[in-house]
N, C-alpha and C. Protein backbone atom coordinates (compact mmCIF):
# COMPACT_ATOMS: atom_id res chain seq x y z
N MET A 1 106.62 116.76 165.07
CA MET A 1 107.67 117.36 164.49
C MET A 1 108.72 116.51 163.39
N ASP A 2 109.29 115.10 164.66
CA ASP A 2 110.06 113.98 164.32
C ASP A 2 109.41 113.41 162.85
N LYS A 3 107.92 112.83 163.06
CA LYS A 3 107.43 112.15 161.67
C LYS A 3 107.43 113.51 160.82
N LEU A 4 107.02 114.61 161.00
CA LEU A 4 106.96 115.61 159.77
C LEU A 4 107.96 115.50 158.91
N ASN A 5 109.48 115.44 159.78
CA ASN A 5 110.45 115.94 159.36
C ASN A 5 110.85 114.34 158.35
N SER A 6 110.36 113.37 159.04
CA SER A 6 111.10 111.94 158.28
C SER A 6 109.71 112.19 156.92
N LYS A 7 109.03 112.67 157.22
CA LYS A 7 108.21 112.74 155.67
C LYS A 7 108.91 113.79 154.80
N LYS A 8 108.99 114.14 154.67
CA LYS A 8 109.97 115.65 154.31
C LYS A 8 111.32 114.68 153.85
N LEU A 9 112.13 113.74 154.49
CA LEU A 9 113.20 113.68 154.09
C LEU A 9 112.94 112.34 153.43
N LEU A 10 112.03 111.34 153.38
CA LEU A 10 111.50 110.48 152.56
C LEU A 10 111.03 110.90 151.28
N ALA A 11 110.41 112.27 151.09
CA ALA A 11 110.17 112.70 150.00
C ALA A 11 111.46 113.16 149.14
N THR A 12 112.40 113.77 150.06
CA THR A 12 113.42 114.07 149.28
C THR A 12 114.46 112.59 148.61
N PHE A 13 113.98 111.65 149.40
CA PHE A 13 114.90 110.40 148.72
C PHE A 13 114.32 110.19 147.49
N ILE A 14 113.02 110.02 147.68
CA ILE A 14 111.99 110.05 146.38
C ILE A 14 112.07 110.76 145.02
N GLU A 15 112.22 112.50 145.27
CA GLU A 15 112.50 113.11 144.74
C GLU A 15 113.77 112.66 144.19
N PHE A 16 115.15 112.60 144.91
CA PHE A 16 116.42 112.38 144.16
C PHE A 16 116.48 110.82 143.01
N ILE A 17 115.68 110.19 144.00
CA ILE A 17 115.38 108.45 142.96
C ILE A 17 114.48 109.26 141.87
N SER A 18 113.47 110.18 141.38
CA SER A 18 112.83 110.49 140.41
C SER A 18 113.68 110.76 139.36
N TYR A 19 114.85 111.62 139.65
CA TYR A 19 115.40 112.06 138.66
C TYR A 19 116.30 111.47 137.77
N HIS A 20 116.76 110.30 138.28
CA HIS A 20 117.27 109.19 137.92
C HIS A 20 116.56 108.20 137.53
N ILE A 21 114.76 108.06 137.63
CA ILE A 21 114.47 106.83 136.93
C ILE A 21 114.48 106.61 135.24
N PHE A 22 113.88 107.85 134.71
CA PHE A 22 113.83 107.81 133.56
C PHE A 22 115.75 108.20 132.36
N PRO A 23 116.34 108.47 132.83
CA PRO A 23 117.98 108.60 132.74
C PRO A 23 118.49 106.75 132.57
N PHE A 24 118.07 106.10 133.45
CA PHE A 24 118.46 104.93 133.77
C PHE A 24 117.70 104.05 133.08
N ILE A 25 116.38 104.37 132.86
CA ILE A 25 115.52 103.38 131.86
C ILE A 25 116.07 103.55 130.49
N PHE A 26 116.79 104.59 130.49
CA PHE A 26 116.86 104.93 129.24
C PHE A 26 117.92 104.58 128.86
N ILE A 27 119.06 104.63 129.75
CA ILE A 27 120.36 103.81 129.13
C ILE A 27 120.23 102.44 129.38
N PHE A 28 119.81 101.77 129.99
CA PHE A 28 119.35 100.28 130.03
C PHE A 28 118.86 99.85 128.72
N THR A 29 117.62 100.23 128.55
CA THR A 29 117.10 99.91 127.04
C THR A 29 117.76 100.03 125.80
N HIS A 30 118.95 100.90 125.72
CA HIS A 30 119.07 101.23 124.48
C HIS A 30 120.67 100.78 124.74
N ASP A 31 121.14 100.48 125.69
CA ASP A 31 122.43 99.21 125.77
C ASP A 31 123.00 100.52 125.72
N LEU A 32 123.63 101.38 126.86
CA LEU A 32 124.37 101.95 126.87
C LEU A 32 125.02 102.32 128.47
N HIS A 33 125.02 101.27 128.53
CA HIS A 33 125.09 101.09 130.41
C HIS A 33 126.66 100.83 130.38
N ASN A 34 127.90 101.48 129.48
CA ASN A 34 129.14 101.52 129.86
C ASN A 34 129.70 102.74 130.69
N TYR A 35 129.40 103.30 132.34
CA TYR A 35 129.49 103.59 132.69
C TYR A 35 129.90 103.59 133.85
N SER A 36 130.22 104.27 135.20
CA SER A 36 130.55 103.98 136.44
C SER A 36 129.65 105.47 137.32
N LEU A 37 129.16 104.84 138.09
CA LEU A 37 128.48 106.32 139.05
C LEU A 37 130.02 107.33 138.97
N HIS A 38 128.59 108.72 139.32
CA HIS A 38 129.26 109.74 139.37
C HIS A 38 129.36 110.19 140.86
N GLY A 39 130.08 109.93 142.16
CA GLY A 39 130.08 110.60 143.58
C GLY A 39 129.66 112.03 143.42
N PHE A 40 130.54 112.70 142.68
CA PHE A 40 130.18 114.49 142.59
C PHE A 40 129.43 114.95 142.39
N LEU A 41 128.53 114.04 141.12
CA LEU A 41 127.25 114.54 140.71
C LEU A 41 126.14 114.08 141.54
N ILE A 42 126.32 112.79 142.36
CA ILE A 42 125.14 112.25 143.26
C ILE A 42 125.14 113.28 144.05
N ILE A 43 125.99 114.06 145.04
CA ILE A 43 126.21 114.83 146.03
C ILE A 43 125.23 115.86 145.19
N MET A 44 125.65 116.13 144.18
CA MET A 44 125.04 117.51 143.75
C MET A 44 123.49 117.61 143.59
N VAL A 45 123.48 116.36 142.85
CA VAL A 45 121.48 116.29 142.76
C VAL A 45 121.31 115.73 143.86
N ALA A 46 122.16 115.21 145.11
CA ALA A 46 121.47 115.23 146.11
C ALA A 46 120.81 116.70 146.65
N MET A 47 122.14 117.34 146.80
CA MET A 47 121.84 118.93 146.96
C MET A 47 120.06 119.66 146.62
N VAL A 48 120.02 119.59 145.36
CA VAL A 48 118.62 119.85 144.81
C VAL A 48 117.54 119.43 145.50
N ALA A 49 117.71 117.98 145.87
CA ALA A 49 116.50 116.99 145.89
C ALA A 49 116.59 117.38 147.22
N LEU A 50 117.35 117.42 148.13
CA LEU A 50 117.12 118.12 149.72
C LEU A 50 116.13 119.44 150.08
N TYR A 51 117.34 120.38 148.89
CA TYR A 51 116.69 121.95 149.31
C TYR A 51 115.17 122.20 148.79
N LYS A 52 114.93 121.36 148.02
CA LYS A 52 113.65 121.41 147.17
C LYS A 52 112.57 121.07 148.07
N GLU A 53 113.07 119.71 148.25
CA GLU A 53 111.49 118.87 149.77
C GLU A 53 111.75 118.77 150.70
N PHE A 54 112.61 119.65 151.27
CA PHE A 54 113.25 119.79 152.41
C PHE A 54 113.66 121.12 153.18
N ILE A 55 114.52 121.39 152.81
CA ILE A 55 115.16 123.09 153.17
C ILE A 55 114.29 123.92 153.07
N LEU A 56 113.88 124.00 151.55
CA LEU A 56 112.72 125.27 151.16
C LEU A 56 111.69 125.28 152.22
N LYS A 57 111.18 124.18 152.52
CA LYS A 57 110.14 124.42 153.67
C LYS A 57 110.29 125.12 154.82
N LEU A 58 111.31 125.18 154.84
CA LEU A 58 111.74 125.73 156.22
C LEU A 58 112.22 127.08 155.90
N ASN A 59 112.02 128.21 155.11
CA ASN A 59 112.10 129.30 154.79
C ASN A 59 113.03 129.69 154.99
N PRO A 60 114.78 129.17 153.77
CA PRO A 60 116.20 129.16 154.48
C PRO A 60 116.16 131.13 154.33
N ASN A 61 117.17 131.73 155.09
CA ASN A 61 117.65 132.97 154.79
C ASN A 61 118.92 133.56 153.46
N LYS A 62 118.88 134.39 153.06
CA LYS A 62 119.97 134.74 152.05
C LYS A 62 121.19 133.90 152.47
N TYR A 63 121.72 134.24 153.95
CA TYR A 63 122.67 133.80 154.66
C TYR A 63 122.92 132.03 154.18
N PHE A 64 121.61 131.10 154.87
CA PHE A 64 121.91 129.94 154.24
C PHE A 64 122.39 129.77 152.50
N HIS A 65 121.46 130.61 151.86
CA HIS A 65 121.60 130.50 150.73
C HIS A 65 122.99 130.42 150.27
N ILE A 66 123.67 131.34 151.30
CA ILE A 66 125.58 131.67 150.47
C ILE A 66 126.43 130.72 151.08
N LEU A 67 125.61 129.91 152.08
CA LEU A 67 126.55 129.03 152.69
C LEU A 67 126.50 127.82 152.02
N TYR A 68 125.19 127.61 151.56
CA TYR A 68 124.57 126.23 150.18
C TYR A 68 125.27 126.20 148.91
N SER A 69 125.47 127.64 148.78
CA SER A 69 125.98 127.97 147.56
C SER A 69 127.71 127.51 147.66
N ALA A 70 127.72 128.22 148.69
CA ALA A 70 129.57 127.65 149.07
C ALA A 70 129.65 126.07 148.81
N ILE A 71 129.23 125.79 149.45
CA ILE A 71 129.46 124.12 149.21
C ILE A 71 129.45 123.43 148.08
N TYR A 72 128.60 123.91 147.26
CA TYR A 72 128.04 123.59 145.39
C TYR A 72 129.03 124.14 145.21
N LEU A 73 130.09 125.09 145.22
CA LEU A 73 130.85 125.71 144.68
C LEU A 73 132.08 124.78 144.84
N LEU A 74 132.08 124.69 145.88
CA LEU A 74 133.64 123.43 146.53
C LEU A 74 133.28 122.12 145.51
N LEU A 75 132.34 121.74 145.84
CA LEU A 75 131.98 120.73 144.91
C LEU A 75 132.18 120.72 143.52
N ALA A 76 132.04 121.58 143.03
CA ALA A 76 132.17 122.00 141.44
C ALA A 76 133.50 122.32 140.75
N ILE A 77 134.54 122.79 142.04
CA ILE A 77 135.88 122.89 141.73
C ILE A 77 136.73 121.36 142.07
N LEU A 78 135.96 120.68 142.77
CA LEU A 78 136.69 119.48 143.09
C LEU A 78 136.28 118.11 142.06
N SER A 79 135.16 118.61 141.54
CA SER A 79 135.06 117.83 140.11
C SER A 79 134.97 118.30 138.80
N LEU A 80 135.61 119.18 138.52
CA LEU A 80 136.14 120.19 137.60
C LEU A 80 136.48 118.88 136.52
N ARG A 81 137.29 118.29 136.98
CA ARG A 81 138.18 117.25 135.77
C ARG A 81 137.07 115.45 135.64
N SER A 82 136.23 115.78 136.29
CA SER A 82 135.67 114.74 136.26
C SER A 82 134.01 114.98 135.43
N LEU A 83 133.82 115.76 135.61
CA LEU A 83 132.23 116.78 135.63
C LEU A 83 132.54 117.34 134.61
N ASN A 84 131.27 117.32 133.35
CA ASN A 84 131.38 118.31 132.64
C ASN A 84 130.80 119.96 133.22
N ILE A 85 131.96 121.16 132.47
CA ILE A 85 131.02 121.84 133.59
C ILE A 85 130.00 122.12 133.16
N PHE A 86 129.54 122.45 131.99
CA PHE A 86 128.09 122.76 131.93
C PHE A 86 126.82 121.77 132.33
N VAL A 87 127.39 120.60 132.84
CA VAL A 87 126.39 119.58 133.82
C VAL A 87 126.72 120.89 134.88
N ILE A 88 127.82 121.01 135.61
CA ILE A 88 127.77 121.61 136.64
C ILE A 88 127.26 123.14 136.79
N ILE A 89 126.94 124.00 136.26
CA ILE A 89 126.19 124.87 135.85
C ILE A 89 124.46 124.55 135.76
N LEU A 90 124.65 123.76 134.83
CA LEU A 90 123.22 123.54 135.04
C LEU A 90 122.63 123.00 135.98
N ILE A 91 123.05 122.54 136.68
CA ILE A 91 122.42 121.79 138.17
C ILE A 91 122.18 122.78 139.14
N PHE A 92 123.31 123.36 139.14
CA PHE A 92 123.50 124.75 139.86
C PHE A 92 122.63 126.09 139.93
N SER A 93 121.65 125.79 138.45
CA SER A 93 121.11 127.03 137.86
C SER A 93 119.38 126.50 138.51
N GLN A 94 118.96 125.44 138.62
CA GLN A 94 118.08 124.41 139.05
C GLN A 94 118.09 125.10 140.74
N LEU A 95 118.90 125.13 141.49
CA LEU A 95 119.47 125.06 142.64
C LEU A 95 118.74 126.78 143.05
N ALA A 96 119.42 127.50 141.59
CA ALA A 96 119.14 129.14 142.16
C ALA A 96 117.65 128.95 141.79
N PHE A 97 116.91 128.66 140.68
CA PHE A 97 115.28 128.81 140.47
C PHE A 97 115.05 128.48 141.93
N LEU A 98 115.39 127.58 142.36
CA LEU A 98 114.46 127.34 144.01
C LEU A 98 114.87 128.18 144.50
N TYR A 99 116.06 128.59 144.56
CA TYR A 99 116.05 129.94 145.93
C TYR A 99 115.41 130.95 145.34
N LEU A 100 115.49 131.11 144.01
CA LEU A 100 114.29 132.04 143.74
C LEU A 100 112.92 132.32 143.96
N MET A 101 112.06 130.93 144.54
CA MET A 101 110.87 130.53 145.00
C MET A 101 110.70 131.04 146.35
N ARG A 102 111.82 130.93 147.22
CA ARG A 102 111.77 131.32 148.48
C ARG A 102 111.49 133.35 148.27
N TYR A 103 111.71 134.04 147.55
CA TYR A 103 111.12 135.56 147.78
C TYR A 103 110.13 135.63 146.45
N LEU A 104 109.47 134.80 146.22
CA LEU A 104 108.13 135.05 145.33
C LEU A 104 106.69 135.59 145.77
N PRO A 105 106.21 136.42 145.61
CA PRO A 105 104.96 136.31 146.53
C PRO A 105 104.29 135.10 146.38
N ALA A 106 103.14 135.13 146.88
CA ALA A 106 102.20 133.77 146.79
C ALA A 106 101.18 134.16 145.61
N ASN A 107 100.85 134.70 145.08
CA ASN A 107 100.30 134.80 144.00
C ASN A 107 100.73 134.44 142.52
N ASN A 108 102.22 134.24 142.92
CA ASN A 108 103.25 133.63 141.89
C ASN A 108 102.82 132.03 141.98
N GLN A 109 101.98 131.52 142.21
CA GLN A 109 101.90 130.10 142.66
C GLN A 109 101.82 128.93 141.22
N ASN A 110 101.46 129.74 140.18
CA ASN A 110 101.86 128.72 138.94
C ASN A 110 103.06 128.87 138.53
N PHE A 111 103.65 130.17 138.35
CA PHE A 111 105.28 129.81 138.07
C PHE A 111 106.11 129.03 139.21
N THR A 112 105.73 129.10 140.04
CA THR A 112 106.40 128.52 141.46
C THR A 112 106.19 126.71 140.82
N SER A 113 105.25 126.45 140.85
CA SER A 113 104.91 124.85 140.49
C SER A 113 105.47 124.57 139.30
N LEU A 114 105.07 125.22 137.73
CA LEU A 114 105.92 125.37 137.21
C LEU A 114 107.68 124.76 137.03
N VAL A 115 107.88 125.80 138.19
CA VAL A 115 109.76 125.40 138.25
C VAL A 115 110.22 124.49 139.05
N GLU A 116 109.37 124.33 140.21
CA GLU A 116 109.57 122.98 141.13
C GLU A 116 108.99 121.73 140.09
N ASN A 117 107.87 121.81 139.62
CA ASN A 117 107.44 120.63 138.92
C ASN A 117 107.42 120.07 137.86
N PHE A 118 107.97 120.88 136.86
CA PHE A 118 108.79 120.86 135.60
C PHE A 118 109.87 120.96 134.99
N ILE A 119 109.99 122.06 135.58
CA ILE A 119 111.64 122.63 135.00
C ILE A 119 112.97 121.81 135.84
N VAL A 120 113.01 121.90 136.88
CA VAL A 120 113.79 121.72 137.81
C VAL A 120 113.85 119.68 137.69
N PRO A 121 113.09 119.24 137.87
CA PRO A 121 112.88 117.56 137.49
C PRO A 121 113.33 117.18 135.92
N SER A 122 113.05 118.13 135.27
CA SER A 122 113.01 117.94 133.42
C SER A 122 115.05 118.28 133.47
N PHE A 123 114.98 118.94 134.22
CA PHE A 123 116.90 119.83 133.40
C PHE A 123 117.41 118.57 134.72
N MET A 124 117.16 118.28 136.02
CA MET A 124 117.17 117.49 136.74
C MET A 124 118.37 115.89 135.79
N SER A 125 117.19 115.71 135.23
CA SER A 125 117.40 114.29 134.76
C SER A 125 118.49 114.48 133.16
N ILE A 126 117.69 115.93 132.91
CA ILE A 126 118.87 115.73 131.88
C ILE A 126 119.98 115.98 132.02
N SER A 127 120.61 116.02 133.10
CA SER A 127 122.02 116.64 133.19
C SER A 127 122.58 115.14 134.01
N ILE A 128 121.62 114.28 134.63
CA ILE A 128 122.46 113.05 134.70
C ILE A 128 122.56 112.09 133.36
N ALA A 129 121.40 112.27 132.74
CA ALA A 129 121.73 111.18 131.37
C ALA A 129 122.87 111.59 130.53
N PHE A 130 122.92 113.17 130.80
CA PHE A 130 124.35 113.58 129.52
C PHE A 130 125.76 112.99 130.27
N THR A 131 125.55 112.97 131.54
CA THR A 131 126.70 112.78 132.37
C THR A 131 126.81 111.63 131.78
N TYR A 132 125.89 110.11 132.54
CA TYR A 132 126.31 108.82 132.21
C TYR A 132 126.55 108.79 130.61
N MET A 133 125.53 109.16 129.45
CA MET A 133 125.67 109.14 128.17
C MET A 133 126.44 109.19 127.40
N HIS A 134 126.72 110.59 127.97
CA HIS A 134 127.86 111.52 127.00
C HIS A 134 127.17 112.44 125.92
N PHE A 135 126.33 112.01 126.02
CA PHE A 135 125.11 113.05 124.84
C PHE A 135 123.84 112.85 124.88
N ILE A 136 123.06 113.67 124.69
CA ILE A 136 121.48 114.03 124.77
C ILE A 136 120.79 113.55 123.36
N SER A 137 119.94 113.14 123.45
CA SER A 137 118.78 112.63 122.17
C SER A 137 117.05 113.60 122.32
N VAL A 138 117.27 113.44 121.26
CA VAL A 138 115.86 114.00 121.05
C VAL A 138 114.73 113.00 121.84
N THR A 139 115.04 111.71 121.42
CA THR A 139 114.40 110.33 121.81
C THR A 139 114.09 110.53 123.81
N PHE A 140 115.31 111.14 124.06
CA PHE A 140 115.26 110.87 125.39
C PHE A 140 114.65 112.08 126.20
N VAL A 141 114.68 113.26 125.45
CA VAL A 141 114.13 114.62 125.90
C VAL A 141 112.66 114.83 125.87
N VAL A 142 112.25 114.37 124.60
CA VAL A 142 111.01 114.53 124.47
C VAL A 142 109.95 113.73 125.34
N PRO A 143 110.21 112.41 125.42
CA PRO A 143 109.30 111.72 125.94
C PRO A 143 109.23 112.16 127.99
N LEU A 144 111.05 113.10 127.95
CA LEU A 144 110.81 113.12 129.48
C LEU A 144 109.89 114.85 129.96
N LEU A 145 109.86 115.60 128.65
CA LEU A 145 109.55 116.80 128.69
C LEU A 145 108.19 116.46 128.80
N LEU A 146 107.81 115.99 127.80
CA LEU A 146 106.22 115.66 127.87
C LEU A 146 105.52 114.62 128.68
N VAL A 147 106.09 114.12 130.04
CA VAL A 147 105.43 113.24 131.02
C VAL A 147 105.60 114.22 132.14
N ASN A 148 106.70 115.22 132.07
CA ASN A 148 106.91 116.03 133.11
C ASN A 148 105.82 117.37 133.44
N LEU A 149 105.25 117.52 131.79
CA LEU A 149 104.28 118.59 131.73
C LEU A 149 102.69 117.79 131.88
N ALA A 150 102.65 116.58 131.42
CA ALA A 150 101.58 115.84 131.66
C ALA A 150 101.57 115.98 133.72
N THR A 151 102.18 115.70 134.04
CA THR A 151 102.36 115.55 135.60
C THR A 151 101.76 117.00 136.33
N VAL A 152 102.48 118.14 135.35
CA VAL A 152 101.81 119.36 136.15
C VAL A 152 100.31 119.79 135.38
N LEU A 153 99.75 118.85 134.53
CA LEU A 153 98.45 118.89 134.16
C LEU A 153 97.40 118.39 135.01
N ILE A 154 98.16 116.98 135.63
CA ILE A 154 97.33 116.77 136.61
C ILE A 154 96.75 117.26 138.02
N ASN A 155 98.23 117.42 138.12
CA ASN A 155 98.03 118.53 139.44
C ASN A 155 97.04 119.72 139.47
N TYR A 156 96.84 120.06 138.22
CA TYR A 156 96.03 121.44 138.05
C TYR A 156 94.50 120.80 137.64
N PHE A 157 94.27 119.60 137.21
CA PHE A 157 93.11 118.81 136.53
C PHE A 157 91.93 119.39 137.73
N GLU A 158 90.86 119.84 137.45
CA GLU A 158 89.89 119.93 138.18
C GLU A 158 88.34 119.61 137.40
N GLY A 159 88.17 119.26 136.48
CA GLY A 159 87.21 118.94 135.98
C GLY A 159 86.59 120.04 134.74
N THR A 160 87.47 121.02 134.75
CA THR A 160 86.77 122.11 133.96
C THR A 160 86.76 121.69 132.93
N LYS A 161 85.97 122.75 131.53
CA LYS A 161 86.28 122.46 130.91
C LYS A 161 87.60 122.78 129.88
N PHE A 162 88.41 124.17 130.71
CA PHE A 162 89.36 124.12 130.47
C PHE A 162 90.32 122.96 130.71
N ASP A 163 89.99 122.49 131.97
CA ASP A 163 91.12 121.52 132.26
C ASP A 163 90.68 120.05 131.08
N TYR A 164 89.52 120.00 130.46
CA TYR A 164 89.36 118.92 129.27
C TYR A 164 90.11 118.91 128.51
N ILE A 165 90.34 120.52 127.54
CA ILE A 165 90.90 121.21 126.61
C ILE A 165 92.26 120.70 126.96
N GLU A 166 92.89 121.00 127.83
CA GLU A 166 94.02 120.74 128.18
C GLU A 166 94.48 119.06 127.98
N LEU A 167 93.75 118.17 128.41
CA LEU A 167 93.89 117.07 128.11
C LEU A 167 94.28 116.48 126.86
N ILE A 168 92.65 117.28 125.72
CA ILE A 168 92.94 117.28 124.78
C ILE A 168 94.22 117.75 123.87
N ALA A 169 94.82 118.95 124.75
CA ALA A 169 95.77 118.92 123.66
C ALA A 169 97.39 118.29 124.12
N ILE A 170 97.43 117.84 125.08
CA ILE A 170 98.76 117.67 125.41
C ILE A 170 98.19 115.81 124.23
N SER A 171 96.68 114.98 124.28
CA SER A 171 96.94 114.04 123.77
C SER A 171 97.35 114.53 122.14
N GLY A 172 97.01 115.79 121.55
CA GLY A 172 97.34 115.80 120.63
C GLY A 172 98.90 116.40 120.51
N LEU A 173 99.39 116.82 121.06
CA LEU A 173 100.49 117.08 120.95
C LEU A 173 101.67 115.65 121.03
N SER A 174 100.87 114.74 121.60
CA SER A 174 101.74 113.54 121.31
C SER A 174 101.50 112.98 120.29
N LEU A 175 100.37 113.20 119.65
CA LEU A 175 99.98 112.63 118.27
C LEU A 175 101.00 112.82 117.16
N ILE A 176 101.09 114.51 117.62
CA ILE A 176 101.99 115.24 116.29
C ILE A 176 103.55 115.04 117.02
N LEU A 177 104.11 114.72 118.02
CA LEU A 177 105.64 113.90 118.46
C LEU A 177 105.81 112.57 117.97
N PHE A 178 104.81 112.23 117.28
CA PHE A 178 104.96 111.00 117.07
C PHE A 178 104.72 110.72 115.93
N LEU A 179 103.82 111.87 114.83
CA LEU A 179 104.10 111.98 113.57
C LEU A 179 105.27 112.59 113.21
N MET A 180 105.97 113.57 113.65
CA MET A 180 107.07 113.62 113.64
C MET A 180 108.82 113.10 113.96
N ASN A 181 108.25 111.81 114.36
CA ASN A 181 109.54 110.69 114.76
C ASN A 181 109.57 111.27 116.13
N TYR A 182 109.65 112.06 116.52
CA TYR A 182 109.89 112.19 117.85
C TYR A 182 110.19 111.08 119.40
N ILE A 183 108.63 110.59 119.22
CA ILE A 183 108.59 109.86 119.81
C ILE A 183 107.54 108.49 119.47
N SER A 184 108.11 107.14 120.15
CA SER A 184 107.17 106.12 119.32
C SER A 184 105.48 105.96 119.56
N PHE A 185 105.15 105.04 118.54
CA PHE A 185 103.43 105.07 119.35
C PHE A 185 102.53 104.71 120.23
N TRP A 186 103.98 103.64 120.80
CA TRP A 186 103.78 103.20 122.00
C TRP A 186 104.18 104.41 123.23
N THR A 187 104.83 105.39 123.05
CA THR A 187 105.24 106.07 123.97
C THR A 187 104.33 107.14 124.34
N ALA A 188 103.60 107.34 122.49
CA ALA A 188 102.50 108.56 122.54
C ALA A 188 101.38 108.26 123.29
N LEU A 189 100.86 106.77 123.59
CA LEU A 189 99.81 106.48 123.80
C LEU A 189 99.78 105.72 125.11
N ILE A 190 100.67 105.61 125.87
CA ILE A 190 101.34 105.46 127.34
C ILE A 190 101.01 106.47 127.83
N ILE A 191 101.94 107.85 127.26
CA ILE A 191 101.80 109.31 127.88
C ILE A 191 99.97 109.88 128.04
N VAL A 192 99.58 109.57 127.15
CA VAL A 192 97.99 109.99 126.67
C VAL A 192 97.33 109.36 128.10
N ILE A 193 97.61 107.60 127.80
CA ILE A 193 96.49 106.80 128.80
C ILE A 193 96.79 107.25 129.95
N PHE A 194 98.19 107.48 130.34
CA PHE A 194 98.71 107.98 131.78
C PHE A 194 98.16 109.50 132.58
N VAL A 195 98.06 110.10 131.57
CA VAL A 195 97.39 111.75 131.74
C VAL A 195 96.29 111.71 131.98
N VAL A 196 95.28 110.92 131.62
CA VAL A 196 93.81 110.90 131.13
C VAL A 196 93.86 109.77 132.37
N SER A 197 94.03 109.13 132.52
CA SER A 197 93.75 107.67 133.68
C SER A 197 93.94 108.47 134.82
N MET A 198 94.97 109.17 134.92
CA MET A 198 95.27 109.57 136.52
C MET A 198 94.16 111.37 136.82
N SER A 199 93.68 111.79 135.58
CA SER A 199 92.73 113.20 135.48
C SER A 199 91.76 112.22 136.34
N LEU A 200 91.41 111.37 135.49
CA LEU A 200 89.85 111.28 135.65
C LEU A 200 89.77 110.21 137.74
N LEU A 201 90.95 109.20 137.81
CA LEU A 201 90.93 109.27 138.54
C LEU A 201 90.96 110.48 140.29
N LYS A 202 91.84 110.99 139.56
CA LYS A 202 91.23 112.25 140.50
C LYS A 202 90.14 113.18 140.63
N LEU A 203 89.46 113.02 139.47
CA LEU A 203 88.33 113.66 139.30
C LEU A 203 87.23 112.81 140.26
N PHE A 204 87.01 111.73 139.75
CA PHE A 204 86.27 111.09 139.96
C PHE A 204 86.29 110.00 141.48
N LYS A 205 87.51 109.54 141.94
CA LYS A 205 88.16 108.81 143.13
C LYS A 205 89.17 108.87 143.51
N ASN A 206 88.83 110.29 143.62
CA ASN A 206 89.64 111.30 144.42
C ASN A 206 91.12 111.07 144.81
N PHE A 207 91.75 110.49 143.68
CA PHE A 207 92.78 109.93 143.66
C PHE A 207 93.91 111.24 143.73
N ASN A 208 94.08 112.12 144.69
CA ASN A 208 94.58 113.02 144.52
C ASN A 208 96.45 113.15 145.20
N GLN A 209 97.09 113.14 144.63
CA GLN A 209 98.56 112.92 144.89
C GLN A 209 99.65 114.06 144.62
N SER A 210 100.41 114.41 145.31
CA SER A 210 101.35 115.44 144.88
C SER A 210 102.12 115.40 143.68
N ASN A 211 102.51 116.10 142.75
CA ASN A 211 103.43 115.99 141.75
C ASN A 211 104.62 115.06 141.90
N LEU A 212 104.94 114.77 142.81
CA LEU A 212 106.09 113.62 142.72
C LEU A 212 106.05 112.33 142.81
N VAL A 213 104.59 112.17 143.49
CA VAL A 213 103.72 111.00 143.36
C VAL A 213 103.82 110.70 141.44
N TYR A 214 103.24 111.61 141.08
CA TYR A 214 102.63 111.25 139.55
C TYR A 214 103.79 111.67 138.50
N ARG A 215 105.20 112.56 138.72
CA ARG A 215 106.25 112.35 137.88
C ARG A 215 106.71 110.63 138.11
N VAL A 216 106.69 109.82 139.30
CA VAL A 216 107.28 108.67 139.80
C VAL A 216 106.76 107.71 138.72
N ILE A 217 105.34 107.39 138.69
CA ILE A 217 104.43 106.54 138.01
C ILE A 217 104.23 107.59 136.93
N GLY A 218 104.31 108.31 136.31
CA GLY A 218 105.11 109.05 134.88
C GLY A 218 106.07 108.07 134.24
N ASN A 219 107.03 108.47 135.34
CA ASN A 219 108.23 107.89 134.43
C ASN A 219 108.54 106.42 134.58
N LEU A 220 107.97 105.63 135.43
CA LEU A 220 107.99 104.57 135.31
C LEU A 220 107.12 103.69 134.20
N VAL A 221 105.99 104.58 133.65
CA VAL A 221 105.29 104.16 132.68
C VAL A 221 105.81 104.04 131.42
N LEU A 222 106.98 104.96 131.35
CA LEU A 222 107.92 104.90 130.40
C LEU A 222 108.60 103.85 129.86
N ILE A 223 108.59 102.84 130.97
CA ILE A 223 109.87 101.48 130.75
C ILE A 223 108.61 100.93 129.68
N ILE A 224 107.51 100.65 129.94
CA ILE A 224 106.53 99.98 128.78
C ILE A 224 107.06 100.64 127.47
């Protein structure tokens, strides 16, 4: 049990870090590092990561959700002067989405995966980026959403015809976004190489990892 909890806590820490990878890459590569770390934001983001990777798996009840929300509300009140109200609401919205996952039936697995592996990570990173940069640009949001979407497709890739169609679709989407000047040629190419290589490794080399691992890799390759 202790070993299992240790793994969950490690996953929580990596989840927390994963939200920050691309925002901080973007900040440093665009010379926007005129900021100081925001303590309340760190705690709020940590609360989401902790709930997603650790607490949710313990099947918390509604009373715990009320208590957890009350703690978040207290932090929100204390941070009102220093943290944007829309960021506070956006982060809590992700927490609320995760609360919802606790009560969804098992046949909603696709929706659960979309929320946990795409919506929550994407909007957490957007919240972090907006707090430290004080703005959000298309050149930040589009690569982030694209790579997070790619990781979801990798998780579901099993080598069927439909799976290959999805690979072609995301490759085509990357090309279209490049032609529309939303992402650079290298970003488009890197994302295509990432999703194709990870999918083929999963199929032929049994490299089957959690979405968290794919997200970390995907966000890191955006450094290139």
